Amino acid sequence: MLMFLLLLVMLTACAAIPQDLSGKMFTFPEETKTANVRLTTSSQNLEAVTVCLRFITDLSRNHALFSLASPSADNAFLIFTGTASDVIKLFIVNKEVPFRAQDNKLNTWHSICSTWDSASGLVQLWFDGKPSIRKFTSGSNITSPIVILGQEQDSHGGSFDAKQSFVGMTSDVHMWDHTLSPCEIQRFVDDLNFTPGNVLSWRALEFQTTGRVLMEDKQMTCH
């Protein structure tokens, strides 16, 4: 029994060590209400946010690309796509901010970045490097964040719905506690030498997987 407990502690400790996932991706191969990746953030109080990631999917139904919940707002910072492939919705402290005319083609790798600052209330989206207009939403700081990939949180850390789950692959997830400049975002889009996220970094990611989620080498185009 003692050996089992020691092994369990060792496994838990290993799982908590940040990993460099450069060249890797998470694969979510099926629609479920359980499969997810929970990411550990370095900050518990956010006055501003930038999130960047890459994804590929063939879903035409609603699904979450990035779900951050706080105790007071289950959609504290949510990147969500609807049934119309040209609409991407951001939810900031439970308030919807839709962005239209995004060329969101299925079965294609895309990069997406979104920024929000609580002081100005300004929200903006970059899709494959193309900036949206800037929109306003009111909202206070985000505290005690829980970040989930693969599912959309309807409560702080849970209450998943299979019909809002993500099926596809996700990679290069970064999060900052400030708004990046357009030039910095373009460096992420072009996969140049950008500064990794200081709240979440794909190059030093602490995470926990649940259900059928695979970590694989990222599929690259052969020349």
Protein backbone atom coordinates (compact mmCIF):
# COMPACT_ATOMS: atom_id res chain seq x y z
CA MET A 1 0.00 0.00 0.00
CA LEU A 2 2.84 2.36 0.90
CA MET A 3 4.60 1.65 -2.41
CA PHE A 4 1.36 2.36 -4.28
CA LEU A 5 1.00 5.72 -2.51
CA LEU A 6 4.61 6.60 -3.26
CA LEU A 7 4.08 5.73 -6.94
CA LEU A 8 0.91 7.83 -7.02
CA VAL A 9 2.76 10.80 -5.52
CA MET A 10 5.57 10.38 -8.05
CA LEU A 11 3.14 10.23 -10.98
CA THR A 12 1.31 13.31 -9.72
CA ALA A 13 4.58 15.16 -9.33
CA CYS A 14 5.65 14.20 -12.86
CA ALA A 15 2.35 15.39 -14.26
CA ALA A 16 2.87 18.76 -12.61
CA ILE A 17 6.26 19.40 -14.24
CA PRO A 18 5.91 21.90 -17.11
CA GLN A 19 6.60 20.30 -20.50
CA ASP A 20 7.96 21.79 -23.72
CA LEU A 21 5.33 20.86 -26.32
CA SER A 22 7.11 22.47 -29.28
CA GLY A 23 6.25 20.42 -32.36
CA LYS A 24 3.39 18.67 -30.53
CA MET A 25 -0.40 18.87 -30.71
CA PHE A 26 -3.38 17.64 -28.68
CA THR A 27 -5.73 15.43 -30.71
CA PHE A 28 -9.39 15.24 -29.67
CA PRO A 29 -10.61 12.37 -31.92
CA GLU A 30 -14.27 12.07 -30.90
CA GLU A 31 -17.28 13.96 -29.57
CA THR A 32 -17.55 13.45 -25.82
CA LYS A 33 -18.57 15.33 -22.70
CA THR A 34 -15.48 14.20 -20.82
CA ALA A 35 -12.28 14.46 -22.90
CA ASN A 36 -10.41 17.64 -22.05
CA VAL A 37 -7.05 19.17 -21.17
CA ARG A 38 -6.87 21.38 -18.10
CA LEU A 39 -4.08 23.96 -18.19
CA THR A 40 -2.44 25.47 -15.11
CA THR A 41 -2.03 29.25 -15.29
CA SER A 42 0.78 31.22 -13.65
CA SER A 43 -1.54 34.10 -12.66
CA GLN A 44 -4.70 34.17 -10.54
CA ASN A 45 -5.71 37.75 -11.34
CA LEU A 46 -5.95 39.06 -14.92
CA GLU A 47 -6.57 42.69 -15.83
CA ALA A 48 -5.88 42.05 -19.54
CA VAL A 49 -5.60 38.94 -21.71
CA THR A 50 -4.11 37.84 -25.01
CA VAL A 51 -4.70 34.24 -26.14
CA CYS A 52 -3.15 32.73 -29.27
CA LEU A 53 -3.43 29.17 -30.58
CA ARG A 54 -3.63 27.04 -33.73
CA PHE A 55 -6.36 24.53 -34.55
CA ILE A 56 -7.86 22.33 -37.23
CA THR A 57 -11.36 20.81 -37.25
CA ASP A 58 -14.17 19.73 -39.56
CA LEU A 59 -16.95 20.76 -37.16
CA SER A 60 -19.78 22.93 -38.43
CA ARG A 61 -21.68 22.90 -35.11
CA ASN A 62 -21.00 25.06 -32.06
CA HIS A 63 -17.70 24.29 -30.31
CA ALA A 64 -15.20 25.88 -27.96
CA LEU A 65 -11.60 26.56 -28.97
CA PHE A 66 -10.51 27.96 -25.60
CA SER A 67 -12.55 28.04 -22.38
CA LEU A 68 -11.52 30.08 -19.33
CA ALA A 69 -13.90 30.17 -16.37
CA SER A 70 -13.77 32.03 -13.08
CA PRO A 71 -15.89 31.44 -9.96
CA SER A 72 -18.18 34.34 -10.95
CA ALA A 73 -18.21 33.88 -14.76
CA ASP A 74 -18.24 30.51 -16.53
CA ASN A 75 -17.48 32.35 -19.79
CA ALA A 76 -14.81 34.65 -18.38
CA PHE A 77 -12.75 34.37 -21.59
CA LEU A 78 -14.21 32.01 -24.19
CA ILE A 79 -13.32 31.60 -27.87
CA PHE A 80 -16.34 29.95 -29.47
CA THR A 81 -17.42 29.28 -33.04
CA GLY A 82 -21.04 28.96 -34.07
CA THR A 83 -22.75 27.02 -36.83
CA ALA A 84 -21.95 29.77 -39.34
CA SER A 85 -18.32 29.20 -40.29
CA ASP A 86 -17.70 32.93 -40.79
CA VAL A 87 -18.67 33.90 -37.22
CA ILE A 88 -16.35 33.63 -34.22
CA LYS A 89 -17.63 34.68 -30.83
CA LEU A 90 -15.62 35.89 -27.88
CA PHE A 91 -17.23 35.90 -24.46
CA ILE A 92 -15.62 38.28 -21.97
CA VAL A 93 -16.92 37.97 -18.39
CA ASN A 94 -20.09 36.32 -19.77
CA LYS A 95 -20.74 39.04 -22.39
CA GLU A 96 -20.82 37.99 -26.06
CA VAL A 97 -18.70 39.85 -28.60
CA PRO A 98 -19.25 38.41 -32.12
CA PHE A 99 -16.83 38.88 -35.01
CA ARG A 100 -17.97 38.22 -38.58
CA ALA A 101 -16.48 37.56 -42.02
CA GLN A 102 -13.72 35.26 -40.83
CA ASP A 103 -12.58 32.79 -43.50
CA ASN A 104 -12.85 29.76 -41.22
CA LYS A 105 -12.35 26.89 -43.67
CA LEU A 106 -12.83 23.33 -42.44
CA ASN A 107 -9.98 20.78 -42.41
CA THR A 108 -7.44 23.62 -42.51
CA TRP A 109 -4.94 24.72 -39.89
CA HIS A 110 -5.77 28.22 -38.63
CA SER A 111 -4.18 30.57 -36.16
CA ILE A 112 -6.35 32.69 -33.89
CA CYS A 113 -5.43 35.41 -31.40
CA SER A 114 -7.74 37.49 -29.24
CA THR A 115 -7.07 40.42 -26.91
CA TRP A 116 -9.02 42.17 -24.17
CA ASP A 117 -8.13 44.93 -21.73
CA SER A 118 -10.37 45.62 -18.73
CA ALA A 119 -9.26 49.26 -18.45
CA SER A 120 -10.31 50.26 -21.98
CA GLY A 121 -12.86 47.48 -22.52
CA LEU A 122 -11.53 46.95 -26.04
CA VAL A 123 -11.67 43.49 -27.61
CA GLN A 124 -10.06 42.42 -30.90
CA LEU A 125 -9.62 39.21 -32.88
CA TRP A 126 -6.91 38.15 -35.34
CA PHE A 127 -7.73 35.21 -37.63
CA ASP A 128 -4.81 33.90 -39.68
CA GLY A 129 -3.13 37.23 -39.05
CA LYS A 130 -6.04 39.37 -40.26
CA PRO A 131 -7.27 41.81 -37.59
CA SER A 132 -10.93 42.46 -36.89
CA ILE A 133 -12.36 45.83 -35.94
CA ARG A 134 -12.02 46.71 -32.25
CA LYS A 135 -15.15 46.33 -30.11
CA PHE A 136 -16.08 47.35 -26.58
CA THR A 137 -17.35 45.29 -23.68
CA SER A 138 -17.41 46.12 -20.00
CA GLY A 139 -15.89 43.69 -17.54
CA SER A 140 -13.88 43.48 -14.36
CA ASN A 141 -10.68 41.56 -13.64
CA ILE A 142 -10.70 37.78 -14.07
CA THR A 143 -9.75 35.93 -10.89
CA SER A 144 -9.01 32.26 -10.10
CA PRO A 145 -9.05 31.16 -13.77
CA ILE A 146 -9.51 27.56 -14.89
CA VAL A 147 -8.54 26.96 -18.52
CA ILE A 148 -9.92 23.98 -20.45
CA LEU A 149 -9.21 22.80 -23.99
CA GLY A 150 -11.63 20.43 -25.72
CA GLN A 151 -14.76 21.41 -23.76
CA GLU A 152 -16.81 24.51 -22.91
CA GLN A 153 -17.23 25.16 -19.18
CA ASP A 154 -20.75 25.88 -17.94
CA SER A 155 -19.42 25.98 -14.39
CA HIS A 156 -16.02 26.67 -12.86
CA GLY A 157 -14.08 23.63 -14.11
CA GLY A 158 -16.96 21.47 -15.35
CA SER A 159 -20.55 21.03 -16.62
CA PHE A 160 -19.48 20.01 -20.12
CA ASP A 161 -21.84 19.43 -23.08
CA ALA A 162 -20.77 16.96 -25.80
CA LYS A 163 -22.52 19.12 -28.43
CA GLN A 164 -20.12 21.98 -27.63
CA SER A 165 -17.00 19.81 -27.46
CA PHE A 166 -14.06 20.25 -29.79
CA VAL A 167 -13.11 17.50 -32.26
CA GLY A 168 -9.84 18.07 -34.06
CA MET A 169 -6.30 19.10 -33.20
CA THR A 170 -4.96 22.04 -31.18
CA SER A 171 -1.40 23.33 -30.87
CA ASP A 172 0.76 26.31 -29.85
CA VAL A 173 -1.47 27.60 -27.05
CA HIS A 174 -0.09 30.77 -25.40
CA MET A 175 -1.65 33.27 -23.01
CA TRP A 176 -0.35 36.64 -21.78
CA ASP A 177 -1.52 38.97 -19.00
CA HIS A 178 -1.41 41.98 -21.34
CA THR A 179 -2.49 42.84 -24.88
CA LEU A 180 0.09 42.05 -27.53
CA SER A 181 0.87 44.55 -30.26
CA PRO A 182 -0.17 43.71 -33.84
CA CYS A 183 3.50 43.12 -34.72
CA GLU A 184 3.91 40.65 -31.84
CA ILE A 185 0.76 38.82 -32.93
CA GLN A 186 2.05 38.65 -36.51
CA ARG A 187 5.24 37.05 -35.20
CA PHE A 188 3.13 34.33 -33.56
CA VAL A 189 1.10 33.83 -36.75
CA ASP A 190 4.29 33.50 -38.82
CA ASP A 191 5.86 31.23 -36.15
CA LEU A 192 8.83 33.55 -35.84
CA ASN A 193 10.84 34.32 -32.70
CA PHE A 194 8.00 35.63 -30.49
CA THR A 195 8.01 35.89 -26.69
CA PRO A 196 6.06 32.91 -25.24
CA GLY A 197 3.01 33.50 -23.07
CA ASN A 198 3.72 34.42 -19.45
CA VAL A 199 0.42 32.96 -18.17
CA LEU A 200 0.37 29.88 -20.43
CA SER A 201 3.32 28.84 -22.60
CA TRP A 202 3.27 25.92 -25.02
CA ARG A 203 7.02 25.67 -24.42
CA ALA A 204 6.56 25.14 -20.67
CA LEU A 205 3.00 23.84 -20.22
CA GLU A 206 1.65 22.35 -17.02
CA PHE A 207 -1.47 20.35 -17.86
CA GLN A 208 -3.68 17.39 -17.02
CA THR A 209 -5.57 15.31 -19.58
CA THR A 210 -8.87 13.52 -18.99
CA GLY A 211 -10.48 11.02 -21.34
CA ARG A 212 -9.44 10.22 -24.90
CA VAL A 213 -6.99 13.01 -25.68
CA LEU A 214 -3.74 12.20 -27.49
CA MET A 215 -0.51 14.15 -27.50
CA GLU A 216 1.12 13.63 -30.89
CA ASP A 217 3.76 15.10 -33.15
CA LYS A 218 2.29 17.99 -35.07
CA GLN A 219 1.47 17.06 -38.64
CA MET A 220 3.62 19.08 -41.00
CA THR A 221 3.36 19.62 -44.75
CA CYS A 222 5.86 17.50 -46.66
CA HIS A 223 7.91 19.12 -49.44
